[in-house]
Amino acid sequence: MNYLKKLPSEPSFKNKDFFEGYILNSKNKEFEMDYINMFKGHEYYQLETESMHLFYILEGEGIASINGKRFNIGKEDIIEIPVNTEYAFAGKFKMIEIMQPAFNAKTHRDTKLNDLI
């Protein structure tokens, strides 16, 4: 078992102008942990029908919209997004994301363009 992990040399997923992400535990389907570098924010609002999300902001600042409410976010903030909750981020920051269960493209929806950017 590999007890010590480092960021992969290449992003696991990215949207060239908006963000890049690195999956830190690619074999576990019960949860997923990602390191995300937001350049601008999400391009679209997000909605997950199975996974809850926890985000921990490591550095930087921005804005979050969660179920229509806006919040200023920054270093050391923890953001919890329950299942079936529409959200989007805008700003420049680095964060850790934990999803439970792990990301599944079948239960993820982009709902509308991000109006925070």
N, C-alpha and C. Protein backbone atom coordinates (compact mmCIF):
# COMPACT_ATOMS: atom_id res chain seq x y z
N MET A 1 0.85 -1.19 0.00
CA MET A 1 0.00 0.00 0.00
C MET A 1 0.88 1.24 0.00
N ASN A 2 0.51 2.21 -0.79
CA ASN A 2 1.25 3.47 -0.86
C ASN A 2 0.66 4.44 0.17
N TYR A 3 1.35 4.64 1.28
CA TYR A 3 0.84 5.50 2.35
C TYR A 3 1.13 6.97 2.12
N LEU A 4 2.10 7.29 1.32
CA LEU A 4 2.48 8.67 1.05
C LEU A 4 2.16 8.98 -0.40
N LYS A 5 1.40 10.05 -0.63
CA LYS A 5 1.00 10.41 -1.98
C LYS A 5 1.53 11.80 -2.32
N LYS A 6 1.78 11.99 -3.61
CA LYS A 6 2.18 13.29 -4.14
C LYS A 6 1.25 13.62 -5.29
N LEU A 7 1.15 14.89 -5.63
CA LEU A 7 0.33 15.27 -6.78
C LEU A 7 0.87 14.60 -8.04
N PRO A 8 -0.02 14.08 -8.88
CA PRO A 8 0.45 13.55 -10.17
C PRO A 8 1.13 14.66 -10.97
N SER A 9 1.98 14.27 -11.90
CA SER A 9 2.70 15.27 -12.70
C SER A 9 1.79 15.99 -13.69
N GLU A 10 0.70 15.38 -14.09
CA GLU A 10 -0.27 15.98 -15.01
C GLU A 10 -1.65 16.00 -14.36
N PRO A 11 -2.46 17.02 -14.65
CA PRO A 11 -3.83 17.06 -14.10
C PRO A 11 -4.64 15.84 -14.53
N SER A 12 -5.52 15.38 -13.65
CA SER A 12 -6.44 14.28 -13.94
C SER A 12 -7.63 14.78 -14.75
N PHE A 13 -7.99 16.06 -14.56
CA PHE A 13 -9.08 16.68 -15.31
C PHE A 13 -8.82 18.18 -15.36
N LYS A 14 -9.33 18.84 -16.40
CA LYS A 14 -9.12 20.28 -16.47
C LYS A 14 -10.08 20.90 -17.47
N ASN A 15 -10.31 22.18 -17.26
CA ASN A 15 -11.00 23.05 -18.19
C ASN A 15 -10.00 24.18 -18.39
N LYS A 16 -9.36 24.21 -19.53
CA LYS A 16 -8.18 25.04 -19.80
C LYS A 16 -8.22 26.44 -19.18
N ASP A 17 -9.30 27.17 -19.32
CA ASP A 17 -9.37 28.55 -18.85
C ASP A 17 -9.90 28.70 -17.43
N PHE A 18 -10.41 27.62 -16.84
CA PHE A 18 -11.13 27.75 -15.58
C PHE A 18 -10.47 27.05 -14.39
N PHE A 19 -10.01 25.80 -14.56
CA PHE A 19 -9.44 25.05 -13.44
C PHE A 19 -8.69 23.82 -13.93
N GLU A 20 -7.89 23.23 -13.00
CA GLU A 20 -7.31 21.92 -13.23
C GLU A 20 -7.37 21.16 -11.92
N GLY A 21 -7.53 19.83 -12.02
CA GLY A 21 -7.67 19.03 -10.82
C GLY A 21 -6.84 17.76 -10.87
N TYR A 22 -6.45 17.30 -9.70
CA TYR A 22 -5.62 16.12 -9.55
C TYR A 22 -6.33 15.15 -8.60
N ILE A 23 -6.68 13.97 -9.10
CA ILE A 23 -7.31 12.96 -8.25
C ILE A 23 -6.23 12.32 -7.39
N LEU A 24 -6.46 12.27 -6.10
CA LEU A 24 -5.46 11.77 -5.16
C LEU A 24 -5.68 10.31 -4.76
N ASN A 25 -6.85 9.76 -5.04
CA ASN A 25 -7.14 8.37 -4.66
C ASN A 25 -7.97 7.67 -5.74
N SER A 26 -7.41 7.45 -6.89
CA SER A 26 -8.16 7.00 -8.07
C SER A 26 -8.76 5.60 -7.96
N LYS A 27 -8.37 4.78 -7.01
CA LYS A 27 -8.89 3.41 -6.94
C LYS A 27 -10.06 3.23 -5.98
N ASN A 28 -10.34 4.21 -5.15
CA ASN A 28 -11.41 4.09 -4.16
C ASN A 28 -12.69 4.70 -4.71
N LYS A 29 -13.76 3.91 -4.80
CA LYS A 29 -15.03 4.40 -5.34
C LYS A 29 -15.98 4.91 -4.24
N GLU A 30 -15.63 4.66 -2.97
CA GLU A 30 -16.49 5.11 -1.87
C GLU A 30 -16.36 6.61 -1.65
N PHE A 31 -15.19 7.16 -1.93
CA PHE A 31 -14.99 8.61 -1.83
C PHE A 31 -13.89 9.00 -2.81
N GLU A 32 -13.82 10.28 -3.11
CA GLU A 32 -12.76 10.80 -3.97
C GLU A 32 -12.19 12.04 -3.33
N MET A 33 -10.88 12.17 -3.39
CA MET A 33 -10.21 13.34 -2.87
C MET A 33 -9.39 13.96 -3.99
N ASP A 34 -9.62 15.25 -4.24
CA ASP A 34 -8.96 15.95 -5.34
C ASP A 34 -8.29 17.21 -4.83
N TYR A 35 -7.20 17.58 -5.50
CA TYR A 35 -6.57 18.88 -5.32
C TYR A 35 -6.96 19.69 -6.54
N ILE A 36 -7.54 20.88 -6.32
CA ILE A 36 -8.03 21.69 -7.44
C ILE A 36 -7.39 23.07 -7.39
N ASN A 37 -6.89 23.48 -8.54
CA ASN A 37 -6.34 24.82 -8.73
C ASN A 37 -7.34 25.58 -9.60
N MET A 38 -8.09 26.48 -9.00
CA MET A 38 -9.07 27.30 -9.73
C MET A 38 -8.37 28.52 -10.28
N PHE A 39 -8.43 28.68 -11.59
CA PHE A 39 -7.88 29.87 -12.23
C PHE A 39 -8.93 30.97 -12.30
N LYS A 40 -10.18 30.56 -12.49
CA LYS A 40 -11.27 31.50 -12.72
C LYS A 40 -12.54 31.08 -11.99
N GLY A 41 -12.80 29.79 -11.89
CA GLY A 41 -14.01 29.26 -11.27
C GLY A 41 -14.60 28.16 -12.14
N HIS A 42 -15.81 27.75 -11.82
CA HIS A 42 -16.52 26.80 -12.68
C HIS A 42 -17.07 27.52 -13.89
N GLU A 43 -17.10 26.86 -15.01
CA GLU A 43 -17.72 27.44 -16.20
C GLU A 43 -19.25 27.39 -16.07
N TYR A 44 -19.74 26.33 -15.43
CA TYR A 44 -21.18 26.12 -15.24
C TYR A 44 -21.49 25.85 -13.77
N TYR A 45 -22.72 26.10 -13.36
CA TYR A 45 -23.20 25.63 -12.07
C TYR A 45 -23.21 24.11 -12.08
N GLN A 46 -22.98 23.51 -10.92
CA GLN A 46 -22.88 22.06 -10.77
C GLN A 46 -24.05 21.55 -9.94
N LEU A 47 -24.46 20.31 -10.21
CA LEU A 47 -25.46 19.64 -9.39
C LEU A 47 -25.14 18.15 -9.39
N GLU A 48 -25.03 17.58 -8.21
CA GLU A 48 -24.78 16.15 -8.04
C GLU A 48 -25.99 15.50 -7.41
N THR A 49 -26.46 14.39 -8.00
CA THR A 49 -27.63 13.71 -7.46
C THR A 49 -27.28 12.57 -6.51
N GLU A 50 -25.98 12.25 -6.36
CA GLU A 50 -25.57 11.19 -5.43
C GLU A 50 -24.46 11.60 -4.47
N SER A 51 -23.56 12.47 -4.90
CA SER A 51 -22.37 12.77 -4.10
C SER A 51 -22.52 14.06 -3.30
N MET A 52 -22.08 14.00 -2.05
CA MET A 52 -21.93 15.24 -1.28
C MET A 52 -20.48 15.67 -1.42
N HIS A 53 -20.23 16.98 -1.26
CA HIS A 53 -18.90 17.55 -1.44
C HIS A 53 -18.48 18.31 -0.19
N LEU A 54 -17.22 18.19 0.14
CA LEU A 54 -16.57 19.04 1.13
C LEU A 54 -15.39 19.70 0.44
N PHE A 55 -15.28 21.01 0.57
CA PHE A 55 -14.16 21.75 0.00
C PHE A 55 -13.43 22.45 1.13
N TYR A 56 -12.11 22.41 1.10
CA TYR A 56 -11.28 23.14 2.05
C TYR A 56 -10.38 24.06 1.24
N ILE A 57 -10.52 25.38 1.46
CA ILE A 57 -9.75 26.36 0.70
C ILE A 57 -8.36 26.48 1.33
N LEU A 58 -7.34 26.19 0.55
CA LEU A 58 -5.95 26.24 1.02
C LEU A 58 -5.36 27.64 0.93
N GLU A 59 -5.68 28.33 -0.18
CA GLU A 59 -5.19 29.71 -0.38
C GLU A 59 -6.03 30.39 -1.44
N GLY A 60 -5.98 31.70 -1.45
CA GLY A 60 -6.73 32.49 -2.42
C GLY A 60 -8.10 32.86 -1.90
N GLU A 61 -8.91 33.43 -2.81
CA GLU A 61 -10.26 33.85 -2.42
C GLU A 61 -11.18 33.88 -3.63
N GLY A 62 -12.46 33.93 -3.34
CA GLY A 62 -13.45 33.96 -4.42
C GLY A 62 -14.85 34.10 -3.88
N ILE A 63 -15.80 33.68 -4.70
CA ILE A 63 -17.23 33.73 -4.37
C ILE A 63 -17.82 32.36 -4.63
N ALA A 64 -18.74 31.94 -3.77
CA ALA A 64 -19.50 30.72 -3.99
C ALA A 64 -20.97 31.08 -4.07
N SER A 65 -21.68 30.43 -4.97
CA SER A 65 -23.13 30.50 -5.00
C SER A 65 -23.64 29.11 -4.67
N ILE A 66 -24.42 29.01 -3.59
CA ILE A 66 -24.94 27.72 -3.14
C ILE A 66 -26.44 27.88 -2.95
N ASN A 67 -27.21 27.15 -3.76
CA ASN A 67 -28.68 27.25 -3.74
C ASN A 67 -29.15 28.70 -3.81
N GLY A 68 -28.51 29.50 -4.66
CA GLY A 68 -28.93 30.87 -4.88
C GLY A 68 -28.40 31.89 -3.89
N LYS A 69 -27.66 31.45 -2.86
CA LYS A 69 -27.08 32.38 -1.88
C LYS A 69 -25.59 32.54 -2.18
N ARG A 70 -25.10 33.77 -2.09
CA ARG A 70 -23.69 34.05 -2.39
C ARG A 70 -22.89 34.23 -1.10
N PHE A 71 -21.66 33.72 -1.16
CA PHE A 71 -20.76 33.76 -0.01
C PHE A 71 -19.36 34.13 -0.49
N ASN A 72 -18.68 35.00 0.25
CA ASN A 72 -17.27 35.24 0.02
C ASN A 72 -16.51 34.08 0.66
N ILE A 73 -15.55 33.52 -0.07
CA ILE A 73 -14.79 32.39 0.45
C ILE A 73 -13.31 32.70 0.37
N GLY A 74 -12.54 32.09 1.28
CA GLY A 74 -11.11 32.31 1.31
C GLY A 74 -10.40 31.27 2.15
N LYS A 75 -9.12 31.49 2.34
CA LYS A 75 -8.24 30.56 3.04
C LYS A 75 -8.86 30.04 4.33
N GLU A 76 -8.80 28.72 4.49
CA GLU A 76 -9.24 27.97 5.66
C GLU A 76 -10.76 27.83 5.76
N ASP A 77 -11.51 28.29 4.77
CA ASP A 77 -12.96 28.05 4.78
C ASP A 77 -13.23 26.60 4.39
N ILE A 78 -14.26 26.03 5.00
CA ILE A 78 -14.75 24.70 4.68
C ILE A 78 -16.16 24.87 4.15
N ILE A 79 -16.41 24.32 2.97
CA ILE A 79 -17.70 24.47 2.31
C ILE A 79 -18.31 23.09 2.14
N GLU A 80 -19.51 22.89 2.65
CA GLU A 80 -20.20 21.61 2.52
C GLU A 80 -21.36 21.77 1.55
N ILE A 81 -21.39 20.91 0.53
CA ILE A 81 -22.44 20.93 -0.48
C ILE A 81 -23.20 19.61 -0.40
N PRO A 82 -24.43 19.62 0.12
CA PRO A 82 -25.21 18.39 0.18
C PRO A 82 -25.63 17.91 -1.21
N VAL A 83 -26.07 16.68 -1.30
CA VAL A 83 -26.63 16.11 -2.53
C VAL A 83 -27.78 16.99 -3.01
N ASN A 84 -27.95 17.09 -4.32
CA ASN A 84 -29.04 17.85 -4.96
C ASN A 84 -29.00 19.35 -4.63
N THR A 85 -27.81 19.89 -4.47
CA THR A 85 -27.63 21.31 -4.20
C THR A 85 -26.85 21.95 -5.34
N GLU A 86 -27.43 22.96 -5.97
CA GLU A 86 -26.76 23.63 -7.09
C GLU A 86 -25.72 24.62 -6.54
N TYR A 87 -24.51 24.58 -7.14
CA TYR A 87 -23.44 25.47 -6.67
C TYR A 87 -22.49 25.82 -7.80
N ALA A 88 -21.74 26.90 -7.60
CA ALA A 88 -20.66 27.31 -8.49
C ALA A 88 -19.69 28.17 -7.70
N PHE A 89 -18.45 28.18 -8.16
CA PHE A 89 -17.41 29.02 -7.58
C PHE A 89 -16.86 29.95 -8.64
N ALA A 90 -16.35 31.10 -8.20
CA ALA A 90 -15.59 32.01 -9.06
C ALA A 90 -14.45 32.56 -8.22
N GLY A 91 -13.31 32.77 -8.85
CA GLY A 91 -12.16 33.32 -8.15
C GLY A 91 -10.91 32.55 -8.48
N LYS A 92 -9.86 32.92 -7.78
CA LYS A 92 -8.56 32.28 -7.97
C LYS A 92 -8.14 31.73 -6.62
N PHE A 93 -8.13 30.39 -6.50
CA PHE A 93 -7.79 29.75 -5.24
C PHE A 93 -7.41 28.30 -5.46
N LYS A 94 -6.83 27.70 -4.42
CA LYS A 94 -6.47 26.29 -4.41
C LYS A 94 -7.24 25.63 -3.29
N MET A 95 -7.72 24.40 -3.54
CA MET A 95 -8.54 23.75 -2.54
C MET A 95 -8.42 22.23 -2.63
N ILE A 96 -8.83 21.59 -1.56
CA ILE A 96 -9.00 20.14 -1.52
C ILE A 96 -10.51 19.88 -1.59
N GLU A 97 -10.89 18.92 -2.41
CA GLU A 97 -12.30 18.52 -2.54
C GLU A 97 -12.41 17.05 -2.16
N ILE A 98 -13.40 16.74 -1.32
CA ILE A 98 -13.72 15.36 -0.99
C ILE A 98 -15.17 15.12 -1.39
N MET A 99 -15.38 14.07 -2.19
CA MET A 99 -16.73 13.68 -2.62
C MET A 99 -17.04 12.29 -2.08
N GLN A 100 -18.26 12.13 -1.62
CA GLN A 100 -18.67 10.82 -1.12
C GLN A 100 -20.08 10.53 -1.61
N PRO A 101 -20.30 9.51 -2.47
CA PRO A 101 -19.29 8.64 -3.07
C PRO A 101 -18.48 9.38 -4.13
N ALA A 102 -17.52 8.67 -4.73
CA ALA A 102 -16.64 9.25 -5.74
C ALA A 102 -17.43 9.78 -6.93
N PHE A 103 -16.81 10.69 -7.70
CA PHE A 103 -17.44 11.29 -8.87
C PHE A 103 -17.97 10.23 -9.82
N ASN A 104 -19.17 10.48 -10.33
CA ASN A 104 -19.80 9.61 -11.33
C ASN A 104 -20.44 10.53 -12.36
N ALA A 105 -19.97 10.48 -13.58
CA ALA A 105 -20.48 11.36 -14.63
C ALA A 105 -21.99 11.19 -14.85
N LYS A 106 -22.53 10.02 -14.52
CA LYS A 106 -23.96 9.76 -14.70
C LYS A 106 -24.83 10.52 -13.69
N THR A 107 -24.25 10.93 -12.57
CA THR A 107 -25.03 11.63 -11.54
C THR A 107 -24.65 13.11 -11.42
N HIS A 108 -23.84 13.59 -12.35
CA HIS A 108 -23.38 14.99 -12.37
C HIS A 108 -24.10 15.74 -13.49
N ARG A 109 -24.50 16.99 -13.19
CA ARG A 109 -25.11 17.85 -14.22
C ARG A 109 -24.52 19.25 -14.16
N ASP A 110 -24.25 19.80 -15.33
CA ASP A 110 -23.97 21.22 -15.47
C ASP A 110 -25.33 21.86 -15.72
N THR A 111 -25.75 22.84 -14.90
CA THR A 111 -27.13 23.33 -15.00
C THR A 111 -27.27 24.63 -15.80
N LYS A 112 -26.33 25.58 -15.64
CA LYS A 112 -26.42 26.86 -16.37
C LYS A 112 -25.05 27.51 -16.31
N LEU A 113 -24.84 28.50 -17.18
CA LEU A 113 -23.58 29.23 -17.16
C LEU A 113 -23.37 29.92 -15.82
N ASN A 114 -22.13 29.96 -15.38
CA ASN A 114 -21.78 30.60 -14.11
C ASN A 114 -21.85 32.11 -14.26
N ASP A 115 -22.78 32.74 -13.56
CA ASP A 115 -22.96 34.20 -13.61
C ASP A 115 -22.07 34.95 -12.61
N LEU A 116 -21.23 34.22 -11.87
CA LEU A 116 -20.33 34.86 -10.91
C LEU A 116 -19.06 35.38 -11.57
N ILE A 117 -18.75 34.86 -12.74
CA ILE A 117 -17.50 35.21 -13.43
C ILE A 117 -17.69 36.50 -14.21
